[in-house]
Structures are given as structure tokens and as C-alpha cells.
Amino acid sequence: MKKITNEFKVGLFVILCVLGLVYLTYSTGKLNIKKEGYHIYVVFNEVAGLEKKAPVMLNGLEIGKVDDIKPSYDNDRTQITLKLWVNKEAKIRENPVITIKTLGLMGEKYIHIASSNGRDFIEPEAILEGKPYLDLDALLQEAQTISKDISQQVNKLVVSLNNTVDDNKGNVSSIIKNLEATSKNFEDFSADIKSHPWKLLFKTKEKPQKK
């Protein structure tokens, strides 16, 4: 009986690994072997690093992949046209919202199709328009600009309030002095009433003089 050589073991192991990789790839839908489908085209102004073979999802369900990415030139504009392969079982209603989104922590880009309500479905080879990609860096920069503007407005308001207080400082000081004088007069009146309570009775019984 012949012994199994190490070379044979290594070769068998490699073959099993390749078969396992092919099976996993097919089971996750990355290969379209024996799958029928159709193509649609989506035009974007920017694809933000989207690559071929990127997933295509319909309301969160993966239904296809990006087959091709090509630039297109329409008059004075440069746009990017995506050729999407879609499983034949997936039907997309008319006027869908198509956007580029980020999947997971690795930042993988994918196409998301939000199918709206309606009776009719788009036809194969249809040309659709995608929504502009929301760049996170651009959003952060815009947020910083807005925050800076708000800070400047707040600083201006604080300066205006300080100026208003400075301008009316004399009036405020006069009011405070009047309040202090009134308070002192009330204290003196209270002390006088406590020392001579009969004055209060006299003033209460005092009748107004006839003219």
C-alpha cells in the first residue's frame, strides 16, 4: 500500500479551500451563475469612490451589483453613468430614489434604491437619475461654518448688550439711588411709628378740613 505523500495532502487541502471559497462566493450572491436578470442605468454627478461589483439594494435587500462605471459627457456637464445588473425577480417601481450610501465600518459604498409607491414598474435598460451624494466631509465643513457664524452673531449680541448697559448705566444708578432713598424713608417712617404709635391713630381719625 502506497503512503500518501505530503505533496498530495497539500494539493488536496488547496483544492478543498478553493471549492469552499467558490461555494461561499456563490452562496452570498457575488456570482451570477445561472441567474437571470436585467440592466438599468443610473446617472450621478459624483460616485464618491463607488467601485464595480458593489452591491445594489432595493429597500435594504440586495438585488444585484454594479456591472460597469463610465463617465458621460452631456453638453457642458461631466457625469458618471452606472450600469446596474438587477435580479429578474426584483421589480422597481417608477420614480425610485437612488442614492449612494456607505455600508459598515469599512466604508464600502453601495447603491440603495428606495422604491416609491405606484402601480407601474420601470423597464429593463431604463435610464434613471441618482440623487447627489452627501459627502460627510462637506457636511462637517458646512456645520463648522454655521457654528462659526452663530458664534459671531452671539459675540455681536453680547457686545450690543454691554454697550446698552454702559449707555444706561447713569439711569440705572439714578434708579438705584431713588430706591435706596425710598427704602431709607420707609425705614425711618416704620421706626417713628414704632416709637410713637399714637401718630398712626391720630392720622386715621384726622378729618379733612373744609374749604
N, C-alpha and C. Protein backbone atom coordinates (compact mmCIF):
# COMPACT_ATOMS: atom_id res chain seq x y z
N MET A 1 0.85 -1.20 0.00
CA MET A 1 0.00 0.00 0.00
C MET A 1 0.88 1.25 0.00
N LYS A 2 0.61 2.13 -0.93
CA LYS A 2 1.41 3.33 -1.04
C LYS A 2 1.00 4.35 0.02
N LYS A 3 2.01 5.03 0.53
CA LYS A 3 1.76 6.07 1.51
C LYS A 3 1.37 7.37 0.80
N ILE A 4 0.49 8.11 1.47
CA ILE A 4 0.08 9.41 0.93
C ILE A 4 1.19 10.42 1.21
N THR A 5 1.68 11.04 0.17
CA THR A 5 2.79 11.99 0.32
C THR A 5 2.29 13.33 0.82
N ASN A 6 3.23 14.10 1.32
CA ASN A 6 2.89 15.45 1.81
C ASN A 6 2.40 16.34 0.67
N GLU A 7 2.98 16.18 -0.53
CA GLU A 7 2.55 16.97 -1.67
C GLU A 7 1.09 16.72 -1.99
N PHE A 8 0.67 15.45 -1.89
CA PHE A 8 -0.73 15.11 -2.17
C PHE A 8 -1.66 15.74 -1.13
N LYS A 9 -1.23 15.74 0.13
CA LYS A 9 -2.04 16.33 1.19
C LYS A 9 -2.20 17.83 0.99
N VAL A 10 -1.07 18.47 0.62
CA VAL A 10 -1.13 19.91 0.39
C VAL A 10 -2.01 20.24 -0.79
N GLY A 11 -1.88 19.48 -1.86
CA GLY A 11 -2.72 19.72 -3.04
C GLY A 11 -4.19 19.52 -2.75
N LEU A 12 -4.52 18.47 -2.00
CA LEU A 12 -5.91 18.22 -1.63
C LEU A 12 -6.46 19.34 -0.76
N PHE A 13 -5.63 19.83 0.15
CA PHE A 13 -6.07 20.92 1.02
C PHE A 13 -6.35 22.18 0.21
N VAL A 14 -5.48 22.48 -0.76
CA VAL A 14 -5.67 23.66 -1.59
C VAL A 14 -6.95 23.55 -2.41
N ILE A 15 -7.19 22.36 -2.98
CA ILE A 15 -8.41 22.15 -3.79
C ILE A 15 -9.65 22.34 -2.94
N LEU A 16 -9.64 21.82 -1.70
CA LEU A 16 -10.79 21.96 -0.82
C LEU A 16 -11.02 23.44 -0.44
N CYS A 17 -9.94 24.17 -0.24
CA CYS A 17 -10.07 25.60 0.08
C CYS A 17 -10.68 26.38 -1.08
N VAL A 18 -10.22 26.05 -2.30
CA VAL A 18 -10.75 26.74 -3.48
C VAL A 18 -12.23 26.44 -3.65
N LEU A 19 -12.60 25.18 -3.49
CA LEU A 19 -14.01 24.79 -3.61
C LEU A 19 -14.87 25.49 -2.53
N GLY A 20 -14.32 25.56 -1.32
CA GLY A 20 -15.06 26.25 -0.26
C GLY A 20 -15.23 27.73 -0.54
N LEU A 21 -14.17 28.36 -1.10
CA LEU A 21 -14.25 29.77 -1.45
C LEU A 21 -15.27 30.02 -2.55
N VAL A 22 -15.29 29.13 -3.56
CA VAL A 22 -16.27 29.26 -4.65
C VAL A 22 -17.69 29.11 -4.10
N TYR A 23 -17.88 28.16 -3.21
CA TYR A 23 -19.21 27.95 -2.64
C TYR A 23 -19.67 29.17 -1.84
N LEU A 24 -18.77 29.73 -1.00
CA LEU A 24 -19.14 30.90 -0.21
C LEU A 24 -19.45 32.09 -1.10
N THR A 25 -18.66 32.26 -2.15
CA THR A 25 -18.89 33.38 -3.07
C THR A 25 -20.23 33.24 -3.77
N TYR A 26 -20.54 32.04 -4.20
CA TYR A 26 -21.81 31.80 -4.89
C TYR A 26 -23.00 31.94 -3.94
N SER A 27 -22.84 31.42 -2.71
CA SER A 27 -23.95 31.46 -1.75
C SER A 27 -24.27 32.87 -1.30
N THR A 28 -23.27 33.75 -1.29
CA THR A 28 -23.52 35.14 -0.89
C THR A 28 -23.97 36.01 -2.04
N GLY A 29 -24.11 35.44 -3.23
CA GLY A 29 -24.67 36.17 -4.36
C GLY A 29 -23.66 36.99 -5.13
N LYS A 30 -22.36 36.79 -4.91
CA LYS A 30 -21.36 37.54 -5.63
C LYS A 30 -21.14 37.02 -7.05
N LEU A 31 -21.57 35.81 -7.30
CA LEU A 31 -21.51 35.26 -8.65
C LEU A 31 -22.92 35.10 -9.19
N ASN A 32 -23.08 35.38 -10.46
CA ASN A 32 -24.41 35.31 -11.07
C ASN A 32 -24.56 34.08 -11.95
N ILE A 33 -23.95 32.98 -11.52
CA ILE A 33 -24.04 31.75 -12.28
C ILE A 33 -25.49 31.26 -12.30
N LYS A 34 -26.01 31.03 -13.50
CA LYS A 34 -27.37 30.51 -13.70
C LYS A 34 -28.42 31.46 -13.13
N LYS A 35 -28.10 32.72 -13.00
CA LYS A 35 -29.09 33.70 -12.54
C LYS A 35 -29.44 34.63 -13.68
N GLU A 36 -30.72 34.86 -13.85
CA GLU A 36 -31.18 35.75 -14.90
C GLU A 36 -31.53 37.11 -14.31
N GLY A 37 -31.33 38.12 -15.13
CA GLY A 37 -31.64 39.45 -14.66
C GLY A 37 -31.68 40.44 -15.81
N TYR A 38 -31.65 41.71 -15.48
CA TYR A 38 -31.71 42.76 -16.49
C TYR A 38 -30.85 43.93 -16.03
N HIS A 39 -30.60 44.85 -16.92
CA HIS A 39 -29.76 46.00 -16.63
C HIS A 39 -30.59 47.29 -16.61
N ILE A 40 -30.20 48.19 -15.74
CA ILE A 40 -30.72 49.55 -15.74
C ILE A 40 -29.51 50.50 -15.61
N TYR A 41 -29.71 51.75 -15.98
CA TYR A 41 -28.62 52.73 -15.95
C TYR A 41 -29.01 53.88 -15.02
N VAL A 42 -28.05 54.30 -14.22
CA VAL A 42 -28.28 55.41 -13.29
C VAL A 42 -27.17 56.44 -13.49
N VAL A 43 -27.57 57.70 -13.62
CA VAL A 43 -26.62 58.80 -13.86
C VAL A 43 -26.43 59.59 -12.58
N PHE A 44 -25.16 59.75 -12.18
CA PHE A 44 -24.80 60.53 -10.99
C PHE A 44 -23.85 61.66 -11.38
N ASN A 45 -23.86 62.72 -10.60
CA ASN A 45 -22.84 63.76 -10.76
C ASN A 45 -21.52 63.34 -10.13
N GLU A 46 -21.61 62.51 -9.07
CA GLU A 46 -20.42 62.05 -8.37
C GLU A 46 -20.72 60.69 -7.75
N VAL A 47 -19.73 59.78 -7.79
CA VAL A 47 -19.95 58.42 -7.26
C VAL A 47 -19.16 58.18 -5.98
N ALA A 48 -18.34 59.11 -5.55
CA ALA A 48 -17.68 59.06 -4.23
C ALA A 48 -16.90 57.77 -4.00
N GLY A 49 -16.17 57.29 -5.01
CA GLY A 49 -15.34 56.11 -4.82
C GLY A 49 -16.07 54.79 -4.97
N LEU A 50 -17.27 54.80 -5.50
CA LEU A 50 -18.00 53.56 -5.75
C LEU A 50 -17.25 52.72 -6.77
N GLU A 51 -17.18 51.40 -6.54
CA GLU A 51 -16.42 50.51 -7.41
C GLU A 51 -17.34 49.49 -8.08
N LYS A 52 -16.81 48.87 -9.10
CA LYS A 52 -17.54 47.78 -9.76
C LYS A 52 -17.76 46.63 -8.78
N LYS A 53 -18.82 45.87 -9.04
CA LYS A 53 -19.23 44.74 -8.19
C LYS A 53 -19.82 45.19 -6.86
N ALA A 54 -19.99 46.49 -6.66
CA ALA A 54 -20.62 46.97 -5.43
C ALA A 54 -22.07 46.51 -5.37
N PRO A 55 -22.59 46.23 -4.19
CA PRO A 55 -23.97 45.74 -4.08
C PRO A 55 -25.00 46.78 -4.50
N VAL A 56 -26.11 46.27 -5.00
CA VAL A 56 -27.29 47.10 -5.30
C VAL A 56 -28.42 46.59 -4.42
N MET A 57 -29.00 47.47 -3.63
CA MET A 57 -30.04 47.07 -2.68
C MET A 57 -31.34 47.79 -2.98
N LEU A 58 -32.42 47.06 -2.84
CA LEU A 58 -33.76 47.60 -3.01
C LEU A 58 -34.46 47.59 -1.66
N ASN A 59 -34.66 48.77 -1.09
CA ASN A 59 -35.27 48.89 0.25
C ASN A 59 -34.55 48.02 1.27
N GLY A 60 -33.22 47.98 1.17
CA GLY A 60 -32.41 47.23 2.14
C GLY A 60 -32.11 45.80 1.75
N LEU A 61 -32.70 45.29 0.67
CA LEU A 61 -32.48 43.91 0.23
C LEU A 61 -31.56 43.91 -0.99
N GLU A 62 -30.49 43.11 -0.93
CA GLU A 62 -29.55 43.05 -2.04
C GLU A 62 -30.19 42.36 -3.24
N ILE A 63 -30.20 43.04 -4.38
CA ILE A 63 -30.86 42.50 -5.57
C ILE A 63 -29.93 42.45 -6.78
N GLY A 64 -28.71 42.95 -6.66
CA GLY A 64 -27.84 42.96 -7.82
C GLY A 64 -26.49 43.56 -7.51
N LYS A 65 -25.82 44.04 -8.56
CA LYS A 65 -24.48 44.59 -8.40
C LYS A 65 -24.23 45.64 -9.49
N VAL A 66 -23.15 46.37 -9.29
CA VAL A 66 -22.73 47.37 -10.27
C VAL A 66 -21.88 46.67 -11.32
N ASP A 67 -22.35 46.63 -12.55
CA ASP A 67 -21.63 45.96 -13.63
C ASP A 67 -20.55 46.83 -14.24
N ASP A 68 -20.82 48.10 -14.40
CA ASP A 68 -19.87 48.97 -15.09
C ASP A 68 -20.04 50.41 -14.63
N ILE A 69 -18.93 51.17 -14.69
CA ILE A 69 -18.93 52.59 -14.34
C ILE A 69 -18.19 53.35 -15.44
N LYS A 70 -18.89 54.29 -16.05
CA LYS A 70 -18.28 55.04 -17.15
C LYS A 70 -18.66 56.52 -17.05
N PRO A 71 -17.72 57.40 -17.40
CA PRO A 71 -18.07 58.82 -17.46
C PRO A 71 -18.87 59.12 -18.71
N SER A 72 -19.76 60.07 -18.61
CA SER A 72 -20.55 60.51 -19.76
C SER A 72 -20.48 62.02 -19.85
N TYR A 73 -20.51 62.53 -21.07
CA TYR A 73 -20.34 63.97 -21.30
C TYR A 73 -21.57 64.51 -22.02
N ASP A 74 -22.36 65.30 -21.28
CA ASP A 74 -23.59 65.86 -21.81
C ASP A 74 -23.44 67.37 -21.87
N ASN A 75 -23.22 67.89 -23.07
CA ASN A 75 -23.01 69.33 -23.27
C ASN A 75 -21.85 69.83 -22.39
N ASP A 76 -22.15 70.67 -21.41
CA ASP A 76 -21.08 71.23 -20.58
C ASP A 76 -20.95 70.53 -19.24
N ARG A 77 -21.56 69.38 -19.06
CA ARG A 77 -21.50 68.66 -17.79
C ARG A 77 -20.81 67.32 -17.95
N THR A 78 -20.06 66.93 -16.93
CA THR A 78 -19.44 65.60 -16.87
C THR A 78 -20.15 64.80 -15.79
N GLN A 79 -20.72 63.68 -16.18
CA GLN A 79 -21.46 62.84 -15.24
C GLN A 79 -20.93 61.41 -15.29
N ILE A 80 -21.37 60.62 -14.32
CA ILE A 80 -20.96 59.22 -14.23
C ILE A 80 -22.19 58.35 -14.42
N THR A 81 -22.10 57.42 -15.37
CA THR A 81 -23.21 56.51 -15.65
C THR A 81 -22.88 55.13 -15.11
N LEU A 82 -23.77 54.60 -14.28
CA LEU A 82 -23.61 53.26 -13.71
C LEU A 82 -24.51 52.28 -14.44
N LYS A 83 -23.95 51.13 -14.76
CA LYS A 83 -24.72 50.05 -15.35
C LYS A 83 -24.97 49.01 -14.25
N LEU A 84 -26.21 48.88 -13.86
CA LEU A 84 -26.57 48.01 -12.75
C LEU A 84 -27.23 46.72 -13.25
N TRP A 85 -26.73 45.60 -12.74
CA TRP A 85 -27.39 44.31 -13.02
C TRP A 85 -28.35 44.03 -11.88
N VAL A 86 -29.60 43.73 -12.21
CA VAL A 86 -30.65 43.50 -11.22
C VAL A 86 -31.27 42.14 -11.44
N ASN A 87 -31.46 41.39 -10.39
CA ASN A 87 -32.11 40.08 -10.47
C ASN A 87 -33.50 40.22 -11.07
N LYS A 88 -33.86 39.28 -11.93
CA LYS A 88 -35.16 39.38 -12.63
C LYS A 88 -36.34 39.36 -11.67
N GLU A 89 -36.15 38.79 -10.49
CA GLU A 89 -37.25 38.73 -9.52
C GLU A 89 -37.50 40.06 -8.84
N ALA A 90 -36.54 40.96 -8.95
CA ALA A 90 -36.67 42.27 -8.30
C ALA A 90 -37.32 43.26 -9.27
N LYS A 91 -38.41 43.84 -8.85
CA LYS A 91 -39.12 44.82 -9.66
C LYS A 91 -39.06 46.18 -8.96
N ILE A 92 -38.67 47.17 -9.73
CA ILE A 92 -38.50 48.52 -9.18
C ILE A 92 -39.63 49.40 -9.71
N ARG A 93 -40.35 50.02 -8.81
CA ARG A 93 -41.46 50.88 -9.22
C ARG A 93 -40.92 52.19 -9.81
N GLU A 94 -41.77 52.85 -10.56
CA GLU A 94 -41.36 54.09 -11.22
C GLU A 94 -41.05 55.18 -10.20
N ASN A 95 -40.18 56.12 -10.62
CA ASN A 95 -39.76 57.25 -9.80
C ASN A 95 -39.09 56.81 -8.48
N PRO A 96 -38.13 55.90 -8.55
CA PRO A 96 -37.44 55.49 -7.32
C PRO A 96 -36.41 56.55 -6.91
N VAL A 97 -36.03 56.52 -5.64
CA VAL A 97 -34.98 57.39 -5.13
C VAL A 97 -33.71 56.54 -5.04
N ILE A 98 -32.71 56.89 -5.87
CA ILE A 98 -31.48 56.10 -5.94
C ILE A 98 -30.34 56.93 -5.38
N THR A 99 -29.66 56.39 -4.38
CA THR A 99 -28.59 57.10 -3.70
C THR A 99 -27.38 56.20 -3.50
N ILE A 100 -26.25 56.82 -3.22
CA ILE A 100 -25.03 56.09 -2.86
C ILE A 100 -24.86 56.18 -1.36
N LYS A 101 -24.73 55.03 -0.70
CA LYS A 101 -24.60 55.01 0.74
C LYS A 101 -23.36 54.20 1.14
N THR A 102 -23.03 54.29 2.43
CA THR A 102 -21.85 53.61 2.96
C THR A 102 -22.30 52.44 3.81
N LEU A 103 -21.63 51.28 3.62
CA LEU A 103 -22.01 50.06 4.31
C LEU A 103 -20.91 49.67 5.29
N GLY A 104 -21.27 49.55 6.57
CA GLY A 104 -20.34 49.04 7.57
C GLY A 104 -19.24 50.00 7.94
N LEU A 105 -18.32 49.49 8.81
CA LEU A 105 -17.22 50.31 9.31
C LEU A 105 -16.12 50.50 8.29
N MET A 106 -16.05 49.63 7.29
CA MET A 106 -15.01 49.70 6.28
C MET A 106 -15.28 50.79 5.25
N GLY A 107 -16.49 51.32 5.26
CA GLY A 107 -16.81 52.40 4.34
C GLY A 107 -17.10 51.95 2.92
N GLU A 108 -17.52 50.70 2.74
CA GLU A 108 -17.84 50.20 1.39
C GLU A 108 -19.08 50.91 0.86
N LYS A 109 -18.98 51.41 -0.34
CA LYS A 109 -20.10 52.12 -0.97
C LYS A 109 -21.02 51.11 -1.68
N TYR A 110 -22.30 51.43 -1.69
CA TYR A 110 -23.27 50.60 -2.39
C TYR A 110 -24.40 51.48 -2.91
N ILE A 111 -25.17 50.92 -3.83
CA ILE A 111 -26.32 51.63 -4.40
C ILE A 111 -27.58 51.24 -3.65
N HIS A 112 -28.29 52.23 -3.16
CA HIS A 112 -29.55 51.98 -2.46
C HIS A 112 -30.70 52.54 -3.29
N ILE A 113 -31.66 51.67 -3.56
CA ILE A 113 -32.85 52.06 -4.33
C ILE A 113 -34.05 52.03 -3.40
N ALA A 114 -34.67 53.18 -3.20
CA ALA A 114 -35.89 53.26 -2.40
C ALA A 114 -37.06 53.32 -3.37
N SER A 115 -37.77 52.21 -3.46
CA SER A 115 -38.87 52.11 -4.41
C SER A 115 -40.10 52.80 -3.83
N SER A 116 -40.62 53.77 -4.56
CA SER A 116 -41.79 54.50 -4.10
C SER A 116 -43.07 53.73 -4.40
N ASN A 117 -44.17 54.27 -3.90
CA ASN A 117 -45.47 53.65 -4.16
C ASN A 117 -45.93 53.97 -5.58
N GLY A 118 -46.57 53.01 -6.20
CA GLY A 118 -47.06 53.19 -7.55
C GLY A 118 -47.46 51.86 -8.17
N ARG A 119 -48.16 51.92 -9.27
CA ARG A 119 -48.63 50.70 -9.92
C ARG A 119 -47.65 50.17 -10.96
N ASP A 120 -46.95 51.07 -11.64
CA ASP A 120 -46.09 50.67 -12.75
C ASP A 120 -44.66 50.44 -12.29
N PHE A 121 -43.94 49.59 -13.05
CA PHE A 121 -42.54 49.28 -12.77
C PHE A 121 -41.67 49.78 -13.92
N ILE A 122 -40.41 50.07 -13.62
CA ILE A 122 -39.50 50.53 -14.67
C ILE A 122 -39.16 49.35 -15.58
N GLU A 123 -38.83 49.66 -16.82
CA GLU A 123 -38.50 48.65 -17.81
C GLU A 123 -36.99 48.40 -17.82
N PRO A 124 -36.56 47.22 -18.27
CA PRO A 124 -35.13 46.97 -18.45
C PRO A 124 -34.51 48.01 -19.39
N GLU A 125 -33.24 48.31 -19.16
CA GLU A 125 -32.47 49.31 -19.92
C GLU A 125 -32.95 50.74 -19.65
N ALA A 126 -33.74 50.94 -18.63
CA ALA A 126 -34.20 52.29 -18.29
C ALA A 126 -33.03 53.13 -17.79
N ILE A 127 -33.08 54.42 -18.08
CA ILE A 127 -32.06 55.37 -17.63
C ILE A 127 -32.67 56.25 -16.54
N LEU A 128 -32.10 56.18 -15.35
CA LEU A 128 -32.63 56.90 -14.20
C LEU A 128 -31.60 57.91 -13.69
N GLU A 129 -32.04 58.82 -12.87
CA GLU A 129 -31.17 59.84 -12.31
C GLU A 129 -30.99 59.61 -10.82
N GLY A 130 -29.73 59.58 -10.38
CA GLY A 130 -29.44 59.37 -8.97
C GLY A 130 -29.39 60.68 -8.20
N LYS A 131 -29.61 60.58 -6.91
CA LYS A 131 -29.55 61.74 -6.03
C LYS A 131 -28.10 62.08 -5.70
N PRO A 132 -27.79 63.36 -5.48
CA PRO A 132 -26.41 63.75 -5.15
C PRO A 132 -25.93 63.05 -3.88
N TYR A 133 -24.65 62.67 -3.90
CA TYR A 133 -24.05 62.00 -2.75
C TYR A 133 -23.78 63.01 -1.66
N LEU A 134 -24.14 62.67 -0.41
CA LEU A 134 -23.91 63.56 0.73
C LEU A 134 -22.54 63.23 1.31
N ASP A 135 -21.57 64.08 1.00
CA ASP A 135 -20.21 63.87 1.48
C ASP A 135 -20.11 64.29 2.94
N LEU A 136 -19.59 63.37 3.79
CA LEU A 136 -19.50 63.66 5.22
C LEU A 136 -18.56 64.83 5.49
N ASP A 137 -17.45 64.89 4.76
CA ASP A 137 -16.51 65.99 4.96
C ASP A 137 -17.16 67.33 4.63
N ALA A 138 -17.94 67.35 3.54
CA ALA A 138 -18.63 68.59 3.18
C ALA A 138 -19.66 68.99 4.24
N LEU A 139 -20.35 68.00 4.78
CA LEU A 139 -21.33 68.30 5.82
C LEU A 139 -20.66 68.84 7.07
N LEU A 140 -19.51 68.25 7.45
CA LEU A 140 -18.80 68.73 8.62
C LEU A 140 -18.28 70.15 8.41
N GLN A 141 -17.79 70.41 7.20
CA GLN A 141 -17.30 71.75 6.90
C GLN A 141 -18.43 72.77 6.95
N GLU A 142 -19.59 72.39 6.42
CA GLU A 142 -20.74 73.29 6.46
C GLU A 142 -21.19 73.52 7.90
N ALA A 143 -21.15 72.45 8.72
CA ALA A 143 -21.54 72.59 10.12
C ALA A 143 -20.58 73.52 10.86
N GLN A 144 -19.28 73.42 10.55
CA GLN A 144 -18.32 74.31 11.17
C GLN A 144 -18.56 75.76 10.76
N THR A 145 -18.90 75.96 9.49
CA THR A 145 -19.18 77.32 9.02
C THR A 145 -20.40 77.91 9.73
N ILE A 146 -21.45 77.08 9.86
CA ILE A 146 -22.66 77.54 10.55
C ILE A 146 -22.36 77.85 12.01
N SER A 147 -21.57 76.97 12.65
CA SER A 147 -21.20 77.19 14.05
C SER A 147 -20.41 78.48 14.22
N LYS A 148 -19.51 78.75 13.28
CA LYS A 148 -18.72 79.98 13.33
C LYS A 148 -19.60 81.20 13.18
N ASP A 149 -20.57 81.13 12.25
CA ASP A 149 -21.49 82.25 12.05
C ASP A 149 -22.32 82.51 13.30
N ILE A 150 -22.79 81.43 13.93
CA ILE A 150 -23.59 81.58 15.15
C ILE A 150 -22.75 82.21 16.26
N SER A 151 -21.49 81.75 16.38
CA SER A 151 -20.61 82.31 17.40
C SER A 151 -20.39 83.80 17.18
N GLN A 152 -20.21 84.20 15.92
CA GLN A 152 -20.02 85.62 15.62
C GLN A 152 -21.26 86.43 15.97
N GLN A 153 -22.44 85.88 15.65
CA GLN A 153 -23.69 86.58 15.97
C GLN A 153 -23.87 86.72 17.47
N VAL A 154 -23.51 85.67 18.21
CA VAL A 154 -23.63 85.73 19.68
C VAL A 154 -22.68 86.77 20.25
N ASN A 155 -21.45 86.81 19.72
CA ASN A 155 -20.49 87.81 20.18
C ASN A 155 -20.99 89.23 19.91
N LYS A 156 -21.58 89.44 18.73
CA LYS A 156 -22.13 90.75 18.41
C LYS A 156 -23.26 91.12 19.37
N LEU A 157 -24.10 90.14 19.69
CA LEU A 157 -25.22 90.40 20.61
C LEU A 157 -24.72 90.76 22.00
N VAL A 158 -23.66 90.04 22.45
CA VAL A 158 -23.10 90.33 23.78
C VAL A 158 -22.52 91.73 23.81
N VAL A 159 -21.79 92.10 22.75
CA VAL A 159 -21.22 93.45 22.68
C VAL A 159 -22.32 94.50 22.68
N SER A 160 -23.40 94.25 21.92
CA SER A 160 -24.51 95.20 21.87
C SER A 160 -25.16 95.36 23.23
N LEU A 161 -25.34 94.25 23.95
CA LEU A 161 -25.93 94.32 25.28
C LEU A 161 -25.02 95.08 26.25
N ASN A 162 -23.72 94.83 26.13
CA ASN A 162 -22.78 95.55 27.00
C ASN A 162 -22.83 97.05 26.73
N ASN A 163 -22.89 97.42 25.46
CA ASN A 163 -22.98 98.84 25.11
C ASN A 163 -24.26 99.47 25.64
N THR A 164 -25.36 98.70 25.52
CA THR A 164 -26.65 99.20 26.03
C THR A 164 -26.60 99.43 27.53
N VAL A 165 -25.98 98.49 28.22
CA VAL A 165 -25.86 98.64 29.69
C VAL A 165 -24.99 99.82 30.04
N ASP A 166 -23.88 99.99 29.28
CA ASP A 166 -23.00 101.13 29.56
C ASP A 166 -23.70 102.46 29.30
N ASP A 167 -24.50 102.52 28.21
CA ASP A 167 -25.20 103.75 27.88
C ASP A 167 -26.25 104.12 28.93
N ASN A 168 -26.85 103.13 29.53
CA ASN A 168 -27.91 103.40 30.50
C ASN A 168 -27.44 103.22 31.94
N LYS A 169 -26.13 103.20 32.10
CA LYS A 169 -25.60 102.99 33.44
C LYS A 169 -26.00 104.13 34.36
N GLY A 170 -26.00 105.38 33.82
CA GLY A 170 -26.38 106.52 34.65
C GLY A 170 -27.83 106.44 35.10
N ASN A 171 -28.73 106.05 34.19
CA ASN A 171 -30.14 105.92 34.56
C ASN A 171 -30.35 104.83 35.59
N VAL A 172 -29.63 103.73 35.40
CA VAL A 172 -29.76 102.62 36.36
C VAL A 172 -29.25 103.05 37.73
N SER A 173 -28.13 103.79 37.73
CA SER A 173 -27.59 104.27 39.01
C SER A 173 -28.56 105.21 39.70
N SER A 174 -29.21 106.08 38.92
CA SER A 174 -30.18 107.02 39.50
C SER A 174 -31.37 106.27 40.08
N ILE A 175 -31.85 105.25 39.36
CA ILE A 175 -32.99 104.46 39.86
C ILE A 175 -32.61 103.76 41.15
N ILE A 176 -31.39 103.23 41.19
CA ILE A 176 -30.95 102.53 42.40
C ILE A 176 -30.89 103.49 43.58
N LYS A 177 -30.37 104.70 43.31
CA LYS A 177 -30.30 105.70 44.39
C LYS A 177 -31.69 106.08 44.90
N ASN A 178 -32.64 106.24 43.97
CA ASN A 178 -34.02 106.56 44.38
C ASN A 178 -34.63 105.44 45.21
N LEU A 179 -34.35 104.22 44.81
CA LEU A 179 -34.86 103.08 45.57
C LEU A 179 -34.25 103.05 46.96
N GLU A 180 -32.95 103.35 47.03
CA GLU A 180 -32.30 103.37 48.34
C GLU A 180 -32.89 104.46 49.22
N ALA A 181 -33.14 105.65 48.63
CA ALA A 181 -33.73 106.75 49.41
C ALA A 181 -35.13 106.39 49.89
N THR A 182 -35.91 105.80 48.98
CA THR A 182 -37.27 105.39 49.36
C THR A 182 -37.25 104.36 50.47
N SER A 183 -36.31 103.42 50.36
CA SER A 183 -36.19 102.40 51.40
C SER A 183 -35.80 103.02 52.73
N LYS A 184 -34.86 104.01 52.68
CA LYS A 184 -34.45 104.68 53.92
C LYS A 184 -35.61 105.45 54.53
N ASN A 185 -36.42 106.15 53.73
CA ASN A 185 -37.58 106.88 54.24
C ASN A 185 -38.59 105.93 54.87
N PHE A 186 -38.79 104.77 54.26
CA PHE A 186 -39.74 103.80 54.79
C PHE A 186 -39.24 103.26 56.12
N GLU A 187 -37.91 103.04 56.22
CA GLU A 187 -37.36 102.56 57.49
C GLU A 187 -37.54 103.61 58.58
N ASP A 188 -37.28 104.88 58.23
CA ASP A 188 -37.47 105.95 59.23
C ASP A 188 -38.93 106.05 59.64
N PHE A 189 -39.84 105.93 58.68
CA PHE A 189 -41.27 106.01 58.99
C PHE A 189 -41.69 104.85 59.90
N SER A 190 -41.17 103.65 59.60
CA SER A 190 -41.51 102.48 60.41
C SER A 190 -40.98 102.65 61.83
N ALA A 191 -39.72 103.16 61.94
CA ALA A 191 -39.15 103.36 63.28
C ALA A 191 -39.94 104.42 64.06
N ASP A 192 -40.38 105.47 63.37
CA ASP A 192 -41.17 106.54 64.04
C ASP A 192 -42.51 106.02 64.50
N ILE A 193 -43.15 105.16 63.69
CA ILE A 193 -44.45 104.59 64.07
C ILE A 193 -44.30 103.67 65.26
N LYS A 194 -43.18 102.90 65.27
CA LYS A 194 -42.97 102.01 66.42
C LYS A 194 -42.75 102.80 67.71
N SER A 195 -42.03 103.92 67.58
CA SER A 195 -41.77 104.74 68.78
C SER A 195 -42.98 105.56 69.19
N HIS A 196 -43.81 106.00 68.25
CA HIS A 196 -44.99 106.83 68.54
C HIS A 196 -46.20 106.28 67.80
N PRO A 197 -46.72 105.14 68.25
CA PRO A 197 -47.86 104.53 67.54
C PRO A 197 -49.11 105.41 67.56
N TRP A 198 -49.19 106.35 68.55
CA TRP A 198 -50.36 107.21 68.62
C TRP A 198 -50.48 108.11 67.39
N LYS A 199 -49.36 108.36 66.69
CA LYS A 199 -49.43 109.19 65.50
C LYS A 199 -50.29 108.54 64.42
N LEU A 200 -50.17 107.19 64.34
CA LEU A 200 -50.96 106.47 63.34
C LEU A 200 -52.44 106.60 63.65
N LEU A 201 -52.79 106.51 64.97
CA LEU A 201 -54.19 106.65 65.34
C LEU A 201 -54.67 108.06 65.08
N PHE A 202 -53.81 109.02 65.35
CA PHE A 202 -54.20 110.41 65.14
C PHE A 202 -54.45 110.70 63.67
N LYS A 203 -53.60 110.15 62.81
CA LYS A 203 -53.76 110.39 61.39
C LYS A 203 -54.99 109.68 60.83
N THR A 204 -55.33 108.55 61.46
CA THR A 204 -56.52 107.79 60.98
C THR A 204 -57.78 108.53 61.31
N LYS A 205 -57.80 109.14 62.54
CA LYS A 205 -59.01 109.85 62.96
C LYS A 205 -59.09 111.26 62.44
N GLU A 206 -58.01 111.73 61.91
CA GLU A 206 -57.95 113.11 61.42
C GLU A 206 -58.93 113.31 60.26
N LYS A 207 -59.78 114.33 60.33
CA LYS A 207 -60.77 114.59 59.31
C LYS A 207 -60.23 115.64 58.37
N PRO A 208 -60.60 115.54 57.13
CA PRO A 208 -60.13 116.53 56.17
C PRO A 208 -60.77 117.89 56.43
N GLN A 209 -60.01 118.94 56.27
CA GLN A 209 -60.51 120.28 56.51
C GLN A 209 -61.43 120.75 55.37
N LYS A 210 -62.48 121.48 55.79
CA LYS A 210 -63.39 122.02 54.79
C LYS A 210 -62.77 123.25 54.17
N LYS A 211 -63.02 123.40 52.91
CA LYS A 211 -62.52 124.54 52.18
C LYS A 211 -63.47 125.69 52.31
